[in-house]
C-alpha cells in the first residue's frame, strides 16, 4: 500500500502543476503584419501573414526565431523581431462585449469567432475577475468574459 502511495503522490502533484504552468504561458502580440513559417528560417515554407496585434503563445526560442502557437492550435515560427508587447485577444466563439462587467449589462457589440480585440487594460487585476476590458478597432469598447476570448 505504501508503495502505491509513493507512486501516486508524485503523479497527483504533477497533475496539479499542469494548470499552473498553463496559466504562466507567455503570450506576445505581433508588432506589425508578419509572415509565419513552418520552420525557423526564411527559406522555410511561408504559411500565412499574421495581422498586427495577433496574440501568439510562446513555446520556445531558437536564436532569432520563436516557436509559437496560435488560437487555432497551429504551431508555427516567427522572427523574434516581429513580436511586440502590445496585446490583443481573439474571440474564440461568438463574444458579447458589454458596457459593464455584468451579464445583465447593455451589449456594446457582438464579435464572431476570430475577431481581434485590443486589451484596454493589459495589466492583470485592472478588470473584475472573469472579465477583461477590450476595445474593437472600429470603436466599440467594454467588457467581455475571459471564457469568450483567447490570448490572455
N, C-alpha and C. Protein backbone atom coordinates (compact mmCIF):
# COMPACT_ATOMS: atom_id res chain seq x y z
N UNK A 1 0.81 -1.19 0.00
CA UNK A 1 0.00 0.00 0.00
C UNK A 1 0.86 1.26 0.00
N UNK A 2 1.90 1.27 0.82
CA UNK A 2 2.78 2.42 0.87
C UNK A 2 3.47 2.64 -0.47
N UNK A 3 3.81 1.55 -1.12
CA UNK A 3 4.50 1.65 -2.39
C UNK A 3 3.63 2.35 -3.43
N UNK A 4 2.34 2.01 -3.50
CA UNK A 4 1.46 2.65 -4.47
C UNK A 4 1.24 4.12 -4.12
N UNK A 5 1.21 4.46 -2.84
CA UNK A 5 1.06 5.87 -2.45
C UNK A 5 2.28 6.67 -2.87
N UNK A 6 3.45 6.03 -2.79
CA UNK A 6 4.68 6.71 -3.19
C UNK A 6 4.70 6.96 -4.69
N UNK A 7 4.06 6.10 -5.45
CA UNK A 7 3.99 6.27 -6.90
C UNK A 7 2.90 7.27 -7.28
N UNK A 8 1.77 7.20 -6.60
CA UNK A 8 0.62 8.05 -6.93
C UNK A 8 0.85 9.51 -6.53
N UNK A 9 1.47 9.76 -5.40
CA UNK A 9 1.65 11.13 -4.90
C UNK A 9 2.37 12.03 -5.91
N UNK A 10 3.51 11.60 -6.49
CA UNK A 10 4.15 12.46 -7.48
C UNK A 10 3.29 12.69 -8.72
N UNK A 11 2.51 11.69 -9.12
CA UNK A 11 1.63 11.86 -10.28
C UNK A 11 0.55 12.89 -10.01
N UNK A 12 -0.01 12.85 -8.81
CA UNK A 12 -1.03 13.83 -8.43
C UNK A 12 -0.41 15.21 -8.37
N UNK A 13 0.77 15.33 -7.79
CA UNK A 13 1.45 16.63 -7.71
C UNK A 13 1.72 17.18 -9.11
N UNK A 14 2.17 16.33 -10.02
CA UNK A 14 2.43 16.77 -11.39
C UNK A 14 1.15 17.22 -12.08
N UNK A 15 0.07 16.51 -11.86
CA UNK A 15 -1.22 16.88 -12.47
C UNK A 15 -1.70 18.23 -11.95
N UNK A 16 -1.42 18.53 -10.69
CA UNK A 16 -1.84 19.81 -10.13
C UNK A 16 -1.01 20.97 -10.69
N UNK A 17 0.21 20.69 -11.13
CA UNK A 17 1.07 21.73 -11.68
C UNK A 17 0.73 22.09 -13.12
N UNK A 18 0.07 21.21 -13.85
CA UNK A 18 -0.25 21.47 -15.26
C UNK A 18 -1.09 22.72 -15.43
N UNK A 19 -2.20 22.91 -14.70
CA UNK A 19 -2.95 24.15 -14.86
C UNK A 19 -2.13 25.38 -14.48
N UNK A 20 -1.27 25.27 -13.47
CA UNK A 20 -0.43 26.40 -13.08
C UNK A 20 0.53 26.75 -14.19
N UNK A 21 1.11 25.75 -14.85
CA UNK A 21 2.04 26.01 -15.94
C UNK A 21 1.31 26.66 -17.11
N UNK A 22 0.09 26.21 -17.39
CA UNK A 22 -0.69 26.80 -18.48
C UNK A 22 -1.02 28.26 -18.18
N UNK A 23 -1.27 28.56 -16.90
CA UNK A 23 -1.60 29.93 -16.52
C UNK A 23 -0.40 30.85 -16.69
N UNK A 24 0.82 30.29 -16.70
CA UNK A 24 2.03 31.08 -16.83
C UNK A 24 2.49 31.20 -18.28
N UNK A 25 1.70 30.77 -19.23
CA UNK A 25 2.09 30.83 -20.63
C UNK A 25 2.39 32.26 -21.02
N UNK A 26 3.47 32.43 -21.78
CA UNK A 26 3.84 33.76 -22.26
C UNK A 26 3.10 34.03 -23.57
N UNK A 27 2.31 35.07 -23.57
CA UNK A 27 1.58 35.48 -24.77
C UNK A 27 2.19 36.79 -25.25
N UNK A 28 2.51 36.84 -26.53
CA UNK A 28 3.07 38.05 -27.13
C UNK A 28 2.21 38.41 -28.33
N UNK A 29 2.21 39.67 -28.69
CA UNK A 29 1.46 40.13 -29.85
C UNK A 29 2.38 40.38 -31.03
N UNK A 30 1.84 40.24 -32.22
CA UNK A 30 2.60 40.54 -33.44
C UNK A 30 2.71 42.06 -33.53
N UNK A 31 3.94 42.57 -33.65
CA UNK A 31 4.19 44.02 -33.63
C UNK A 31 3.68 44.73 -34.88
N UNK A 32 3.83 44.09 -36.03
CA UNK A 32 3.38 44.63 -37.32
C UNK A 32 3.06 43.40 -38.16
N UNK A 33 2.27 43.54 -39.22
CA UNK A 33 1.98 42.35 -40.03
C UNK A 33 3.27 41.57 -40.31
N UNK A 34 3.21 40.26 -40.07
CA UNK A 34 4.41 39.43 -40.18
C UNK A 34 4.08 38.07 -40.79
N UNK A 35 5.08 37.48 -41.43
CA UNK A 35 4.93 36.16 -42.03
C UNK A 35 5.21 35.09 -40.98
N UNK A 36 4.37 34.06 -40.96
CA UNK A 36 4.58 32.90 -40.09
C UNK A 36 5.06 31.75 -40.97
N UNK A 37 6.07 31.03 -40.48
CA UNK A 37 6.74 29.98 -41.25
C UNK A 37 6.54 28.62 -40.60
N UNK A 38 6.82 27.55 -41.39
CA UNK A 38 6.72 26.20 -40.84
C UNK A 38 8.04 25.74 -40.24
N UNK A 39 9.05 26.59 -40.24
CA UNK A 39 10.34 26.27 -39.64
C UNK A 39 11.08 27.55 -39.30
N UNK A 40 12.17 27.45 -38.54
CA UNK A 40 12.92 28.63 -38.11
C UNK A 40 13.92 29.14 -39.14
N UNK A 41 13.40 29.54 -40.31
CA UNK A 41 14.27 30.01 -41.39
C UNK A 41 13.43 30.76 -42.42
N UNK A 42 14.03 31.76 -43.05
CA UNK A 42 13.33 32.47 -44.13
C UNK A 42 13.18 31.58 -45.36
N UNK A 43 13.95 30.49 -45.41
CA UNK A 43 13.82 29.53 -46.51
C UNK A 43 12.70 28.52 -46.23
N UNK A 44 12.17 28.50 -45.03
CA UNK A 44 11.05 27.60 -44.69
C UNK A 44 9.81 28.05 -45.45
N UNK A 45 8.83 27.17 -45.49
CA UNK A 45 7.58 27.49 -46.20
C UNK A 45 6.80 28.57 -45.46
N UNK A 46 6.40 29.59 -46.21
CA UNK A 46 5.56 30.65 -45.64
C UNK A 46 4.14 30.13 -45.53
N UNK A 47 3.59 30.20 -44.31
CA UNK A 47 2.26 29.65 -44.08
C UNK A 47 1.16 30.71 -44.23
N UNK A 48 1.32 31.83 -43.56
CA UNK A 48 0.35 32.92 -43.69
C UNK A 48 0.89 34.17 -43.04
N UNK A 49 0.23 35.28 -43.28
CA UNK A 49 0.61 36.55 -42.69
C UNK A 49 -0.26 36.80 -41.47
N UNK A 50 0.38 37.15 -40.37
CA UNK A 50 -0.33 37.45 -39.13
C UNK A 50 -0.55 38.95 -39.04
N UNK A 51 -1.76 39.38 -38.68
CA UNK A 51 -2.01 40.82 -38.56
C UNK A 51 -1.39 41.41 -37.29
N UNK A 52 -1.17 42.70 -37.31
CA UNK A 52 -0.66 43.39 -36.12
C UNK A 52 -1.58 43.13 -34.94
N UNK A 53 -1.00 42.79 -33.81
CA UNK A 53 -1.77 42.56 -32.61
C UNK A 53 -2.16 41.12 -32.36
N UNK A 54 -2.04 40.26 -33.35
CA UNK A 54 -2.45 38.86 -33.19
C UNK A 54 -1.70 38.23 -32.02
N UNK A 55 -2.42 37.67 -31.04
CA UNK A 55 -1.74 37.03 -29.91
C UNK A 55 -1.19 35.67 -30.29
N UNK A 56 0.01 35.38 -29.79
CA UNK A 56 0.67 34.10 -30.03
C UNK A 56 1.27 33.62 -28.72
N UNK A 57 1.11 32.33 -28.43
CA UNK A 57 1.69 31.75 -27.23
C UNK A 57 3.10 31.28 -27.54
N UNK A 58 4.07 31.77 -26.79
CA UNK A 58 5.47 31.40 -26.99
C UNK A 58 5.70 29.99 -26.44
N UNK A 59 6.27 29.13 -27.30
CA UNK A 59 6.60 27.77 -26.91
C UNK A 59 8.09 27.65 -26.60
N UNK A 60 8.92 28.16 -27.53
CA UNK A 60 10.37 28.11 -27.33
C UNK A 60 11.03 29.11 -28.27
N UNK A 61 12.32 29.32 -28.07
CA UNK A 61 13.07 30.21 -28.95
C UNK A 61 14.31 29.48 -29.47
N UNK A 62 14.74 29.89 -30.64
CA UNK A 62 15.93 29.33 -31.27
C UNK A 62 16.61 30.48 -32.00
N UNK A 63 17.57 31.10 -31.35
CA UNK A 63 18.24 32.26 -31.94
C UNK A 63 17.26 33.39 -32.16
N UNK A 64 17.17 33.86 -33.40
CA UNK A 64 16.27 34.97 -33.72
C UNK A 64 14.84 34.50 -34.02
N UNK A 65 14.57 33.21 -33.87
CA UNK A 65 13.27 32.65 -34.18
C UNK A 65 12.52 32.22 -32.92
N UNK A 66 11.20 32.35 -32.95
CA UNK A 66 10.36 31.97 -31.83
C UNK A 66 9.29 31.00 -32.34
N UNK A 67 9.19 29.86 -31.66
CA UNK A 67 8.16 28.87 -31.98
C UNK A 67 6.93 29.25 -31.17
N UNK A 68 5.78 29.41 -31.85
CA UNK A 68 4.57 29.91 -31.21
C UNK A 68 3.35 29.06 -31.58
N UNK A 69 2.30 29.21 -30.78
CA UNK A 69 1.01 28.55 -31.04
C UNK A 69 -0.03 29.64 -31.21
N UNK A 70 -0.89 29.50 -32.21
CA UNK A 70 -1.94 30.49 -32.43
C UNK A 70 -3.26 30.01 -31.85
N UNK A 71 -4.30 30.80 -32.02
CA UNK A 71 -5.61 30.50 -31.45
C UNK A 71 -6.17 29.16 -31.95
N UNK A 72 -5.82 28.77 -33.16
CA UNK A 72 -6.30 27.50 -33.72
C UNK A 72 -5.50 26.31 -33.22
N UNK A 73 -4.42 26.57 -32.49
CA UNK A 73 -3.57 25.49 -32.00
C UNK A 73 -2.44 25.15 -32.94
N UNK A 74 -2.33 25.85 -34.06
CA UNK A 74 -1.25 25.60 -35.01
C UNK A 74 0.07 26.08 -34.42
N UNK A 75 1.11 25.28 -34.59
CA UNK A 75 2.44 25.63 -34.12
C UNK A 75 3.24 26.10 -35.33
N UNK A 76 3.76 27.32 -35.24
CA UNK A 76 4.46 27.96 -36.36
C UNK A 76 5.66 28.72 -35.80
N UNK A 77 6.44 29.30 -36.71
CA UNK A 77 7.63 30.07 -36.33
C UNK A 77 7.49 31.51 -36.81
N UNK A 78 8.04 32.42 -36.01
CA UNK A 78 8.04 33.84 -36.34
C UNK A 78 9.39 34.42 -35.91
N UNK A 79 9.85 35.43 -36.63
CA UNK A 79 11.09 36.08 -36.22
C UNK A 79 10.86 36.85 -34.92
N UNK A 80 11.82 36.76 -34.01
CA UNK A 80 11.71 37.41 -32.70
C UNK A 80 11.42 38.91 -32.85
N UNK A 81 12.03 39.55 -33.82
CA UNK A 81 11.85 40.99 -34.03
C UNK A 81 10.41 41.36 -34.40
N UNK A 82 9.64 40.39 -34.87
CA UNK A 82 8.25 40.65 -35.27
C UNK A 82 7.27 40.57 -34.11
N UNK A 83 7.76 40.21 -32.93
CA UNK A 83 6.88 40.14 -31.76
C UNK A 83 7.04 41.41 -30.93
N UNK A 84 5.91 41.89 -30.40
CA UNK A 84 5.92 43.08 -29.58
C UNK A 84 5.23 42.84 -28.26
N UNK A 85 5.09 43.88 -27.49
CA UNK A 85 4.44 43.80 -26.18
C UNK A 85 2.95 44.11 -26.26
N UNK A 86 2.52 44.83 -27.29
CA UNK A 86 1.11 45.20 -27.40
C UNK A 86 0.26 43.95 -27.43
N UNK A 87 -0.80 43.94 -26.67
CA UNK A 87 -1.59 42.73 -26.51
C UNK A 87 -3.01 42.90 -27.02
N UNK A 88 -3.47 41.86 -27.64
CA UNK A 88 -4.85 41.75 -28.08
C UNK A 88 -5.32 40.35 -27.72
N UNK A 89 -6.59 40.13 -27.86
CA UNK A 89 -7.15 38.79 -27.69
C UNK A 89 -7.96 38.48 -28.95
N UNK A 90 -8.23 37.21 -29.15
CA UNK A 90 -9.04 36.76 -30.29
C UNK A 90 -10.28 36.11 -29.72
N UNK A 91 -11.42 36.42 -30.29
CA UNK A 91 -12.66 35.79 -29.82
C UNK A 91 -12.63 34.32 -30.21
N UNK A 92 -12.93 33.45 -29.26
CA UNK A 92 -12.88 32.01 -29.50
C UNK A 92 -14.24 31.46 -29.90
N UNK A 93 -15.25 32.25 -29.74
CA UNK A 93 -16.63 31.91 -30.13
C UNK A 93 -17.34 33.25 -30.30
N UNK A 94 -18.63 33.23 -30.50
CA UNK A 94 -19.37 34.48 -30.53
C UNK A 94 -19.19 35.14 -29.17
N UNK A 95 -18.62 36.34 -29.16
CA UNK A 95 -18.32 37.03 -27.91
C UNK A 95 -19.19 38.27 -27.78
N UNK A 96 -19.70 38.49 -26.58
CA UNK A 96 -20.53 39.65 -26.31
C UNK A 96 -19.74 40.63 -25.47
N UNK A 97 -19.53 41.82 -26.00
CA UNK A 97 -18.86 42.89 -25.26
C UNK A 97 -19.95 43.73 -24.61
N UNK A 98 -19.84 43.90 -23.30
CA UNK A 98 -20.86 44.61 -22.53
C UNK A 98 -20.29 45.90 -21.94
N UNK A 99 -21.20 46.86 -21.69
CA UNK A 99 -20.80 48.16 -21.16
C UNK A 99 -20.15 48.02 -19.78
N UNK A 100 -20.64 47.13 -18.96
CA UNK A 100 -20.13 46.88 -17.62
C UNK A 100 -19.82 45.38 -17.48
N UNK A 101 -18.96 45.00 -16.53
CA UNK A 101 -18.62 43.58 -16.36
C UNK A 101 -19.70 42.80 -15.61
N UNK A 102 -20.89 42.76 -16.23
CA UNK A 102 -22.04 42.04 -15.67
C UNK A 102 -22.82 41.44 -16.82
N UNK A 103 -23.33 40.23 -16.61
CA UNK A 103 -24.10 39.57 -17.66
C UNK A 103 -25.36 40.34 -18.07
N UNK A 104 -25.91 41.13 -17.16
CA UNK A 104 -27.13 41.88 -17.45
C UNK A 104 -26.86 43.26 -18.04
N UNK A 105 -25.58 43.64 -18.17
CA UNK A 105 -25.24 44.97 -18.68
C UNK A 105 -25.58 45.09 -20.17
N UNK A 106 -25.73 46.32 -20.62
CA UNK A 106 -26.05 46.60 -22.02
C UNK A 106 -24.97 46.04 -22.95
N UNK A 107 -25.40 45.50 -24.08
CA UNK A 107 -24.48 44.96 -25.08
C UNK A 107 -23.93 46.10 -25.93
N UNK A 108 -22.61 46.19 -26.02
CA UNK A 108 -21.94 47.19 -26.85
C UNK A 108 -21.79 46.65 -28.27
N UNK A 109 -21.33 45.40 -28.36
CA UNK A 109 -21.18 44.75 -29.67
C UNK A 109 -21.05 43.26 -29.47
N UNK A 110 -21.30 42.53 -30.54
CA UNK A 110 -21.04 41.09 -30.57
C UNK A 110 -20.03 40.84 -31.67
N UNK A 111 -19.05 40.00 -31.37
CA UNK A 111 -17.99 39.71 -32.32
C UNK A 111 -17.98 38.22 -32.63
N UNK A 112 -17.95 37.89 -33.92
CA UNK A 112 -17.86 36.49 -34.33
C UNK A 112 -16.52 35.90 -33.93
N UNK A 113 -16.41 34.61 -34.05
CA UNK A 113 -15.17 33.91 -33.75
C UNK A 113 -14.04 34.44 -34.64
N UNK A 114 -12.85 34.65 -34.03
CA UNK A 114 -11.67 35.06 -34.78
C UNK A 114 -11.46 36.55 -34.88
N UNK A 115 -12.27 37.36 -34.21
CA UNK A 115 -12.12 38.82 -34.27
C UNK A 115 -11.08 39.26 -33.24
N UNK A 116 -10.16 40.13 -33.67
CA UNK A 116 -9.15 40.69 -32.78
C UNK A 116 -9.76 41.82 -31.95
N UNK A 117 -9.55 41.76 -30.64
CA UNK A 117 -9.97 42.83 -29.75
C UNK A 117 -8.75 43.27 -28.96
N UNK A 118 -8.49 44.56 -28.94
CA UNK A 118 -7.34 45.10 -28.21
C UNK A 118 -7.66 45.11 -26.72
N UNK A 119 -6.68 44.72 -25.91
CA UNK A 119 -6.86 44.80 -24.46
C UNK A 119 -6.78 46.26 -24.04
N UNK A 120 -7.81 46.74 -23.38
CA UNK A 120 -7.82 48.12 -22.91
C UNK A 120 -7.06 48.25 -21.59
N UNK A 121 -7.04 47.19 -20.78
CA UNK A 121 -6.32 47.15 -19.51
C UNK A 121 -5.41 45.93 -19.51
N UNK A 122 -4.24 46.01 -20.19
CA UNK A 122 -3.41 44.83 -20.31
C UNK A 122 -2.84 44.33 -18.99
N UNK A 123 -2.73 45.18 -17.97
CA UNK A 123 -2.18 44.73 -16.69
C UNK A 123 -3.21 43.89 -15.95
N UNK A 124 -2.75 42.81 -15.38
CA UNK A 124 -3.65 41.92 -14.63
C UNK A 124 -4.23 42.66 -13.43
N UNK A 125 -5.44 42.35 -13.12
CA UNK A 125 -6.07 42.92 -11.94
C UNK A 125 -6.82 44.21 -12.17
N UNK A 126 -6.77 44.76 -13.38
CA UNK A 126 -7.47 46.01 -13.64
C UNK A 126 -8.92 45.80 -14.06
N UNK A 127 -9.30 44.57 -14.32
CA UNK A 127 -10.68 44.23 -14.66
C UNK A 127 -11.20 43.27 -13.60
N UNK A 128 -12.50 43.28 -13.36
CA UNK A 128 -13.07 42.34 -12.38
C UNK A 128 -12.81 40.89 -12.79
N UNK A 129 -12.72 40.02 -11.81
CA UNK A 129 -12.45 38.61 -12.06
C UNK A 129 -13.44 38.03 -13.06
N UNK A 130 -12.91 37.30 -14.04
CA UNK A 130 -13.76 36.67 -15.04
C UNK A 130 -14.07 37.55 -16.24
N UNK A 131 -13.63 38.81 -16.22
CA UNK A 131 -13.90 39.76 -17.29
C UNK A 131 -12.60 40.43 -17.70
N UNK A 132 -12.57 40.93 -18.91
CA UNK A 132 -11.43 41.72 -19.38
C UNK A 132 -11.98 42.89 -20.20
N UNK A 133 -11.34 44.05 -20.03
CA UNK A 133 -11.77 45.25 -20.77
C UNK A 133 -11.11 45.22 -22.15
N UNK A 134 -11.92 45.36 -23.19
CA UNK A 134 -11.42 45.31 -24.57
C UNK A 134 -11.94 46.49 -25.38
N UNK A 135 -11.31 46.66 -26.54
CA UNK A 135 -11.70 47.72 -27.46
C UNK A 135 -11.63 47.16 -28.88
N UNK A 136 -12.65 47.39 -29.68
CA UNK A 136 -12.66 46.97 -31.09
C UNK A 136 -12.03 48.08 -31.91
N UNK A 137 -11.34 47.74 -32.97
CA UNK A 137 -10.64 48.75 -33.78
C UNK A 137 -11.58 49.79 -34.38
N UNK A 138 -12.85 49.45 -34.51
CA UNK A 138 -13.81 50.40 -35.08
C UNK A 138 -14.53 51.21 -34.00
N UNK A 139 -14.07 51.09 -32.75
CA UNK A 139 -14.57 51.99 -31.74
C UNK A 139 -15.33 51.42 -30.56
N UNK A 140 -15.99 50.30 -30.67
CA UNK A 140 -16.73 49.77 -29.53
C UNK A 140 -15.79 49.31 -28.43
N UNK A 141 -16.14 49.60 -27.18
CA UNK A 141 -15.31 49.19 -26.05
C UNK A 141 -16.20 48.75 -24.91
N UNK A 142 -15.68 47.85 -24.09
CA UNK A 142 -16.42 47.36 -22.94
C UNK A 142 -15.75 46.15 -22.35
N UNK A 143 -16.54 45.28 -21.76
CA UNK A 143 -16.02 44.10 -21.07
C UNK A 143 -16.53 42.82 -21.74
N UNK A 144 -15.64 41.83 -21.81
CA UNK A 144 -16.00 40.52 -22.34
C UNK A 144 -15.56 39.47 -21.33
N UNK A 145 -16.31 38.38 -21.26
CA UNK A 145 -15.92 37.29 -20.36
C UNK A 145 -14.63 36.66 -20.87
N UNK A 146 -13.73 36.32 -19.96
CA UNK A 146 -12.45 35.73 -20.34
C UNK A 146 -12.63 34.37 -21.02
N UNK A 147 -13.76 33.72 -20.80
CA UNK A 147 -14.02 32.43 -21.43
C UNK A 147 -14.39 32.56 -22.92
N UNK A 148 -14.64 33.78 -23.37
CA UNK A 148 -15.03 34.01 -24.76
C UNK A 148 -13.87 34.48 -25.64
N UNK A 149 -12.66 34.58 -25.05
CA UNK A 149 -11.51 35.05 -25.81
C UNK A 149 -10.30 34.17 -25.56
N UNK A 150 -9.33 34.25 -26.47
CA UNK A 150 -8.06 33.53 -26.33
C UNK A 150 -6.93 34.54 -26.41
N UNK A 151 -5.89 34.32 -25.61
CA UNK A 151 -4.72 35.16 -25.68
C UNK A 151 -4.40 35.87 -24.39
N UNK A 152 -4.99 35.45 -23.30
CA UNK A 152 -4.69 36.08 -22.01
C UNK A 152 -3.57 35.35 -21.30
